[in-house]
């Protein structure tokens, strides 16, 4: 008999599996590789939430003929010469750190929802290592249909197609969990102390407004609470407990408190919107010029919807937003992108705590 945790719920003693999942990355910073990645990513009906005919017409008629070239150029700016994709490199480092901390009785795999390493191979590898029970850990602090929802739907589909269907558990969203908040704040604090910003901006990845309204759990139906008033995200309650924007607002409040930021010295915004439909506001690319107009000259940007640095943090914020802010201040201002937790030991410790809480006695 293999070593590991004792028998439970009818299963023989064996390994516990942990599946860490992040969104994805192309395999190379080339137009062809980016095109393959975007074709998989944007074909997902939870990402481009349009009826299939319209989704594919938009994808193949307006996006894929042009966007891969622009995105490949952006990826080339952040691609590591030996490690490759920053998101994947940080993910591998985190997997190793978490596996070391969990120790014997656990097998840990890393997968991407889109691209490689793929979910199917990761599930098969966990089973081959002896894990008949698997904890799925979506590495998105805040839950959205296009991230957590899509990831879980695909994991369930793939797991259900296996000859032996594993028992699955899911790590809940950790957008205001004290362990994640404390680790993220501790990692950011030295950078903020070194930079001494006059404003801290928490920039989250955006989603279309309609995706937020769909998750409104008000008794009177979707849209009765979410985005219905300016203060709809000020507190979490039964109606907005599944709302991505409300999760982001809770994260921003918790991080600001942990970092000791005074009212008026921080704010929240949303980046990376695509297309012309309304996305959740305020938009990062509109907030930054506004801060410049208010006389702010040293702005630090944290991106708390990402646990690992990637295109959106390194290029969109670290290069593009920094240059735009410098221009908006006529060269008198500076924007600094604060690193994500990545593979930092404090984040690995926090994630292990989350895992053990989700699977007690592990």
Protein backbone atom coordinates (compact mmCIF):
# COMPACT_ATOMS: atom_id res chain seq x y z
CA UNK A 1 0.00 0.00 0.00
CA UNK A 2 1.26 3.48 -0.83
CA UNK A 3 2.16 5.86 1.94
CA UNK A 4 0.00 8.90 2.53
CA UNK A 5 -3.05 10.04 4.42
CA UNK A 6 -5.35 7.46 6.00
CA UNK A 7 -8.34 5.99 4.25
CA UNK A 8 -11.32 8.33 4.08
CA UNK A 9 -14.79 8.38 2.53
CA UNK A 10 -14.36 4.87 1.21
CA UNK A 11 -11.10 5.49 -0.68
CA UNK A 12 -7.96 3.48 0.09
CA UNK A 13 -4.97 5.33 1.47
CA UNK A 14 -3.23 7.21 -1.30
CA UNK A 15 -2.06 10.52 -2.61
CA UNK A 16 -3.94 13.79 -2.48
CA UNK A 17 -3.83 15.74 -5.70
CA UNK A 18 -3.61 19.51 -6.02
CA UNK A 19 -4.27 21.10 -9.39
CA UNK A 20 -3.09 24.72 -9.63
CA UNK A 21 -4.73 26.47 -12.58
CA UNK A 22 -3.95 29.84 -14.10
CA UNK A 23 -5.50 31.40 -17.18
CA UNK A 24 -2.89 30.75 -19.84
CA UNK A 25 -0.10 31.93 -22.07
CA UNK A 26 1.05 31.39 -25.64
CA UNK A 27 3.95 29.00 -26.13
CA UNK A 28 6.06 31.62 -27.85
CA UNK A 29 5.94 35.39 -28.52
CA UNK A 30 5.19 34.87 -32.19
CA UNK A 31 2.05 35.74 -34.19
CA UNK A 32 1.34 32.09 -34.97
CA UNK A 33 1.64 30.96 -31.34
CA UNK A 34 -0.38 33.91 -30.10
CA UNK A 35 -3.03 33.20 -32.72
CA UNK A 36 -3.41 29.60 -31.48
CA UNK A 37 -3.69 30.83 -27.92
CA UNK A 38 -6.23 33.55 -28.71
CA UNK A 39 -8.28 31.17 -30.86
CA UNK A 40 -8.71 28.84 -27.88
CA UNK A 41 -9.17 31.63 -25.34
CA UNK A 42 -11.68 33.75 -27.23
CA UNK A 43 -13.67 30.80 -28.57
CA UNK A 44 -14.80 30.17 -24.99
CA UNK A 45 -18.41 31.23 -24.62
CA UNK A 46 -17.74 32.37 -21.07
CA UNK A 47 -15.09 34.82 -22.35
CA UNK A 48 -16.78 36.13 -25.49
CA UNK A 49 -20.29 35.58 -24.16
CA UNK A 50 -22.08 35.81 -27.49
CA UNK A 51 -24.14 33.23 -29.37
CA UNK A 52 -21.77 30.91 -31.23
CA UNK A 53 -22.34 32.33 -34.73
CA UNK A 54 -21.64 35.89 -33.59
CA UNK A 55 -18.72 34.82 -31.43
CA UNK A 56 -16.96 33.00 -34.25
CA UNK A 57 -17.72 35.76 -36.75
CA UNK A 58 -16.13 38.30 -34.41
CA UNK A 59 -13.21 36.02 -33.57
CA UNK A 60 -12.28 34.98 -37.10
CA UNK A 61 -13.44 38.09 -38.91
CA UNK A 62 -12.22 40.92 -36.69
CA UNK A 63 -9.85 39.65 -34.00
CA UNK A 64 -7.61 36.85 -35.26
CA UNK A 65 -6.62 38.52 -38.55
CA UNK A 66 -5.05 41.46 -36.67
CA UNK A 67 -4.65 41.04 -32.92
CA UNK A 68 -2.01 38.23 -32.90
CA UNK A 69 0.55 40.54 -34.48
CA UNK A 70 -0.02 43.32 -31.93
CA UNK A 71 -0.12 40.89 -29.02
CA UNK A 72 3.02 39.07 -30.18
CA UNK A 73 4.88 42.39 -30.24
CA UNK A 74 3.71 43.04 -26.67
CA UNK A 75 4.74 39.56 -25.52
CA UNK A 76 8.19 40.06 -27.03
CA UNK A 77 8.74 42.97 -24.64
CA UNK A 78 8.29 40.79 -21.54
CA UNK A 79 9.42 37.34 -22.71
CA UNK A 80 12.36 35.99 -20.71
CA UNK A 81 15.27 34.83 -22.91
CA UNK A 82 15.67 31.51 -21.05
CA UNK A 83 12.57 31.05 -18.86
CA UNK A 84 10.10 32.09 -21.54
CA UNK A 85 6.61 33.15 -20.47
CA UNK A 86 6.72 35.02 -17.14
CA UNK A 87 3.32 33.64 -16.15
CA UNK A 88 4.46 30.06 -16.74
CA UNK A 89 7.84 30.58 -15.08
CA UNK A 90 6.23 32.05 -11.96
CA UNK A 91 3.64 29.27 -11.98
CA UNK A 92 6.31 26.59 -12.05
CA UNK A 93 8.17 28.25 -9.19
CA UNK A 94 4.96 28.40 -7.15
CA UNK A 95 4.16 24.76 -7.88
CA UNK A 96 7.58 23.69 -6.64
CA UNK A 97 7.30 25.81 -3.51
CA UNK A 98 3.82 24.52 -2.69
CA UNK A 99 4.75 20.90 -3.36
CA UNK A 100 7.74 21.21 -1.03
CA UNK A 101 5.60 22.69 1.73
CA UNK A 102 2.82 20.10 1.42
CA UNK A 103 5.34 17.25 1.49
CA UNK A 104 4.62 13.54 1.34
CA UNK A 105 1.12 12.42 0.60
CA UNK A 106 0.54 15.16 -1.96
CA UNK A 107 1.16 15.42 -5.69
CA UNK A 108 0.91 18.88 -7.25
CA UNK A 109 0.38 19.81 -10.90
CA UNK A 110 0.23 23.14 -12.72
CA UNK A 111 -2.08 23.69 -15.68
CA UNK A 112 -3.36 26.51 -17.82
CA UNK A 113 -7.00 26.92 -18.78
CA UNK A 114 -5.80 27.87 -22.26
CA UNK A 115 -2.52 26.79 -23.81
CA UNK A 116 0.10 24.59 -22.23
CA UNK A 117 0.51 22.82 -19.86
CA UNK A 118 -3.03 21.69 -20.48
CA UNK A 119 -5.72 20.64 -18.04
CA UNK A 120 -6.23 17.17 -19.53
CA UNK A 121 -2.58 16.23 -19.19
CA UNK A 122 -2.43 17.60 -15.65
CA UNK A 123 -5.46 15.60 -14.53
CA UNK A 124 -4.00 12.45 -16.09
CA UNK A 125 -0.64 13.08 -14.39
CA UNK A 126 -2.27 13.48 -10.99
CA UNK A 127 -4.16 10.22 -11.41
CA UNK A 128 -1.01 8.45 -12.61
CA UNK A 129 0.73 9.63 -9.44
CA UNK A 130 -1.97 7.95 -7.36
CA UNK A 131 -4.40 10.80 -6.69
CA UNK A 132 -8.02 9.69 -6.85
CA UNK A 133 -9.15 12.83 -5.03
CA UNK A 134 -8.09 16.21 -6.41
CA UNK A 135 -8.38 19.74 -5.08
CA UNK A 136 -8.76 22.20 -7.94
CA UNK A 137 -7.21 25.56 -7.09
CA UNK A 138 -8.08 28.31 -9.59
CA UNK A 139 -5.40 30.95 -9.04
CA UNK A 140 -7.83 33.86 -9.42
CA UNK A 141 -8.45 35.64 -6.10
CA UNK A 142 -11.77 37.08 -7.31
CA UNK A 143 -14.32 34.84 -9.00
CA UNK A 144 -15.68 35.63 -12.47
CA UNK A 145 -17.59 33.54 -14.99
CA UNK A 146 -14.80 34.07 -17.54
CA UNK A 147 -12.04 32.83 -15.21
CA UNK A 148 -13.12 30.66 -12.28
CA UNK A 149 -16.37 29.65 -13.98
CA UNK A 150 -14.70 28.68 -17.25
CA UNK A 151 -11.88 26.84 -15.48
CA UNK A 152 -14.21 24.75 -13.32
CA UNK A 153 -16.56 23.99 -16.21
CA UNK A 154 -13.64 22.64 -18.25
CA UNK A 155 -12.16 20.68 -15.34
CA UNK A 156 -15.53 19.04 -14.69
CA UNK A 157 -15.91 18.21 -18.39
CA UNK A 158 -12.45 16.67 -18.67
CA UNK A 159 -12.66 14.83 -15.36
CA UNK A 160 -16.04 13.41 -16.34
CA UNK A 161 -14.55 11.97 -19.52
CA UNK A 162 -11.82 10.02 -17.70
CA UNK A 163 -12.24 6.23 -17.36
CA UNK A 164 -11.97 6.67 -13.59
CA UNK A 165 -13.64 9.93 -12.61
CA UNK A 166 -11.74 11.53 -9.71
CA UNK A 167 -13.45 13.04 -6.70
CA UNK A 168 -13.04 16.79 -6.99
CA UNK A 169 -12.87 19.54 -4.41
CA UNK A 170 -12.56 23.24 -5.23
CA UNK A 171 -10.58 25.98 -3.51
CA UNK A 172 -13.02 28.86 -2.92
CA UNK A 173 -12.23 32.39 -4.11
CA UNK A 174 -9.79 34.00 -1.67
CA UNK A 175 -10.29 37.67 -2.53
CA UNK A 176 -10.43 38.75 1.12
CA UNK A 177 -8.91 35.77 2.88
CA UNK A 178 -6.52 37.05 5.56
CA UNK A 179 -3.68 34.80 4.36
CA UNK A 180 -3.79 36.11 0.78
CA UNK A 181 -4.28 39.71 1.93
CA UNK A 182 -1.37 39.52 4.39
CA UNK A 183 0.99 37.89 1.89
CA UNK A 184 0.11 40.28 -0.94
CA UNK A 185 0.48 43.31 1.32
CA UNK A 186 3.77 42.06 2.79
CA UNK A 187 5.22 41.51 -0.68
CA UNK A 188 4.07 44.95 -1.89
CA UNK A 189 5.01 46.96 1.21
CA UNK A 190 8.79 47.24 0.62
CA UNK A 191 8.21 48.40 -2.96
CA UNK A 192 5.78 51.05 -1.78
CA UNK A 193 8.16 52.18 0.95
CA UNK A 194 10.96 52.51 -1.58
CA UNK A 195 8.84 54.41 -4.09
CA UNK A 196 6.86 56.59 -1.64
CA UNK A 197 3.81 57.09 -3.89
CA UNK A 198 1.33 59.90 -3.43
CA UNK A 199 -1.41 57.58 -4.72
CA UNK A 200 -1.89 53.81 -4.90
CA UNK A 201 -4.12 52.42 -7.63
CA UNK A 202 -5.52 48.90 -7.40
CA UNK A 203 -6.03 47.94 -11.04
CA UNK A 204 -8.05 44.77 -11.63
CA UNK A 205 -8.73 42.98 -14.88
CA UNK A 206 -12.05 44.13 -16.27
CA UNK A 207 -15.07 42.15 -17.48
CA UNK A 208 -18.10 43.25 -19.49
CA UNK A 209 -20.87 44.81 -17.43
CA UNK A 210 -23.36 42.19 -18.60
CA UNK A 211 -21.23 39.43 -17.06
CA UNK A 212 -21.50 41.15 -13.68
CA UNK A 213 -25.25 41.59 -14.03
CA UNK A 214 -25.66 37.88 -14.83
CA UNK A 215 -24.16 37.00 -11.43
CA UNK A 216 -26.57 39.23 -9.49
CA UNK A 217 -28.33 36.93 -7.01
CA UNK A 218 -31.00 39.43 -5.95
CA UNK A 219 -34.37 37.82 -5.17
CA UNK A 220 -35.93 40.13 -7.74
CA UNK A 221 -33.57 38.95 -10.46
CA UNK A 222 -30.27 39.85 -12.19
CA UNK A 223 -29.58 43.56 -12.39
CA UNK A 224 -31.62 44.52 -9.36
CA UNK A 225 -28.49 45.13 -7.27
CA UNK A 226 -25.28 44.78 -9.30
CA UNK A 227 -24.38 48.03 -11.11
CA UNK A 228 -27.77 49.46 -10.12
CA UNK A 229 -26.27 52.15 -7.88
CA UNK A 230 -22.87 53.82 -7.36
CA UNK A 231 -22.42 52.09 -4.00
CA UNK A 232 -23.51 48.61 -5.02
CA UNK A 233 -20.07 47.14 -4.23
CA UNK A 234 -19.45 48.99 -0.95
CA UNK A 235 -20.39 45.93 1.07
CA UNK A 236 -20.78 42.24 0.34
CA UNK A 237 -24.18 40.68 0.89
CA UNK A 238 -26.48 37.96 -0.39
CA UNK A 239 -27.22 39.76 -3.66
CA UNK A 240 -23.62 40.42 -4.73
CA UNK A 241 -21.79 37.55 -3.05
CA UNK A 242 -20.89 36.14 -6.49
CA UNK A 243 -20.19 39.51 -8.13
CA UNK A 244 -16.69 39.90 -9.53
CA UNK A 245 -16.70 43.69 -9.13
CA UNK A 246 -17.81 43.37 -5.50
CA UNK A 247 -15.01 40.85 -4.92
CA UNK A 248 -12.51 43.33 -6.37
CA UNK A 249 -13.80 46.13 -4.19
CA UNK A 250 -13.51 43.91 -1.11
CA UNK A 251 -9.93 43.04 -2.11
CA UNK A 252 -9.03 46.70 -2.55
CA UNK A 253 -10.47 47.63 0.85
CA UNK A 254 -8.69 44.76 2.58
CA UNK A 255 -5.33 45.49 0.94
CA UNK A 256 -5.58 49.21 1.62
CA UNK A 257 -6.22 48.47 5.29
CA UNK A 258 -3.35 45.97 5.47
CA UNK A 259 -0.99 48.49 3.85
CA UNK A 260 -2.14 51.30 6.15
CA UNK A 261 -3.33 53.51 3.27
CA UNK A 262 -5.34 56.54 4.31
CA UNK A 263 -8.65 57.41 2.65
CA UNK A 264 -8.07 59.50 -0.44
CA UNK A 265 -4.63 58.02 -1.13
CA UNK A 266 -5.87 54.96 -3.00
CA UNK A 267 -8.53 53.99 -5.52
CA UNK A 268 -9.70 51.10 -7.68
CA UNK A 269 -9.95 50.70 -11.45
CA UNK A 270 -10.26 48.09 -14.20
CA UNK A 271 -7.96 47.40 -17.15
CA UNK A 272 -7.66 45.27 -20.29
CA UNK A 273 -11.09 45.86 -21.82
CA UNK A 274 -11.78 44.49 -25.30
CA UNK A 275 -14.22 45.79 -27.87
CA UNK A 276 -16.81 48.55 -27.69
CA UNK A 277 -19.37 47.17 -25.25
CA UNK A 278 -19.43 48.64 -21.72
CA UNK A 279 -17.02 47.04 -19.26
CA UNK A 280 -17.03 47.61 -15.52
CA UNK A 281 -15.75 51.03 -14.50
CA UNK A 282 -13.74 53.07 -13.76
CA UNK A 283 -11.24 52.31 -16.53
CA UNK A 284 -7.56 52.35 -15.60
CA UNK A 285 -6.57 54.18 -18.78
CA UNK A 286 -8.99 56.98 -17.84
CA UNK A 287 -8.19 57.07 -14.13
CA UNK A 288 -4.46 57.62 -14.64
CA UNK A 289 -4.82 60.88 -16.67
CA UNK A 290 -7.34 62.04 -14.09
CA UNK A 291 -4.84 61.44 -11.29
CA UNK A 292 -2.24 63.39 -13.26
CA UNK A 293 -4.69 66.26 -13.66
CA UNK A 294 -5.24 66.23 -9.88
CA UNK A 295 -1.54 66.78 -9.35
CA UNK A 296 -0.55 63.23 -8.46
CA UNK A 297 3.02 62.64 -9.60
CA UNK A 298 4.02 59.33 -8.03
CA UNK A 299 1.48 56.58 -8.63
CA UNK A 300 2.02 52.96 -7.64
CA UNK A 301 -0.17 50.35 -9.33
CA UNK A 302 -1.00 46.99 -7.77
CA UNK A 303 -2.83 44.39 -9.85
CA UNK A 304 -4.57 42.18 -7.27
CA UNK A 305 -6.53 40.07 -9.76
CA UNK A 306 -3.23 38.46 -10.77
CA UNK A 307 -1.11 36.25 -8.52
CA UNK A 308 1.66 36.14 -11.14
CA UNK A 309 3.12 38.81 -13.38
CA UNK A 310 2.07 38.45 -16.99
CA UNK A 311 1.34 40.50 -20.11
CA UNK A 312 -1.32 42.58 -18.36
CA UNK A 313 0.93 43.57 -15.47
CA UNK A 314 4.37 43.76 -17.09
CA UNK A 315 3.49 45.25 -20.48
CA UNK A 316 0.08 46.90 -20.11
CA UNK A 317 0.86 48.52 -16.76
CA UNK A 318 4.63 48.33 -16.39
CA UNK A 319 5.36 49.69 -19.86
CA UNK A 320 2.23 51.12 -21.49
CA UNK A 321 0.61 52.76 -18.47
CA UNK A 322 3.97 54.02 -17.21
CA UNK A 323 4.65 55.74 -20.52
CA UNK A 324 1.13 57.17 -20.71
CA UNK A 325 1.35 58.56 -17.19
CA UNK A 326 4.71 60.17 -17.90
CA UNK A 327 3.18 61.83 -20.96
CA UNK A 328 0.13 62.97 -18.98
CA UNK A 329 2.43 64.67 -16.46
CA UNK A 330 4.69 66.17 -19.13
CA UNK A 331 7.53 64.00 -17.89
CA UNK A 332 7.17 65.19 -14.29
CA UNK A 333 5.45 62.08 -12.98
CA UNK A 334 6.37 58.45 -12.46
CA UNK A 335 4.24 55.33 -12.36
CA UNK A 336 5.58 52.14 -10.83
CA UNK A 337 4.05 48.70 -11.28
CA UNK A 338 4.32 46.72 -8.03
CA UNK A 339 5.26 43.05 -8.56
CA UNK A 340 2.64 40.34 -8.08
CA UNK A 341 3.19 37.62 -5.46
CA UNK A 342 4.64 35.28 -8.12
CA UNK A 343 6.65 32.51 -6.40
CA UNK A 344 7.40 34.46 -3.24
CA UNK A 345 7.69 32.18 -0.18
CA UNK A 346 5.07 34.23 1.67
CA UNK A 347 2.54 33.62 -1.09
CA UNK A 348 3.45 29.92 -1.18
CA UNK A 349 2.88 29.75 2.60
CA UNK A 350 -0.48 31.50 2.21
CA UNK A 351 -1.58 29.19 -0.59
CA UNK A 352 -0.69 26.13 1.45
CA UNK A 353 -2.80 27.52 4.29
CA UNK A 354 -5.71 27.96 1.87
CA UNK A 355 -5.24 24.40 0.61
CA UNK A 356 -5.17 22.89 4.10
CA UNK A 357 -8.30 24.82 5.08
CA UNK A 358 -10.09 23.56 1.97
CA UNK A 359 -8.93 20.02 2.70
CA UNK A 360 -8.56 19.62 6.48
CA UNK A 361 -6.06 17.14 7.89
CA UNK A 362 -4.16 17.18 4.62
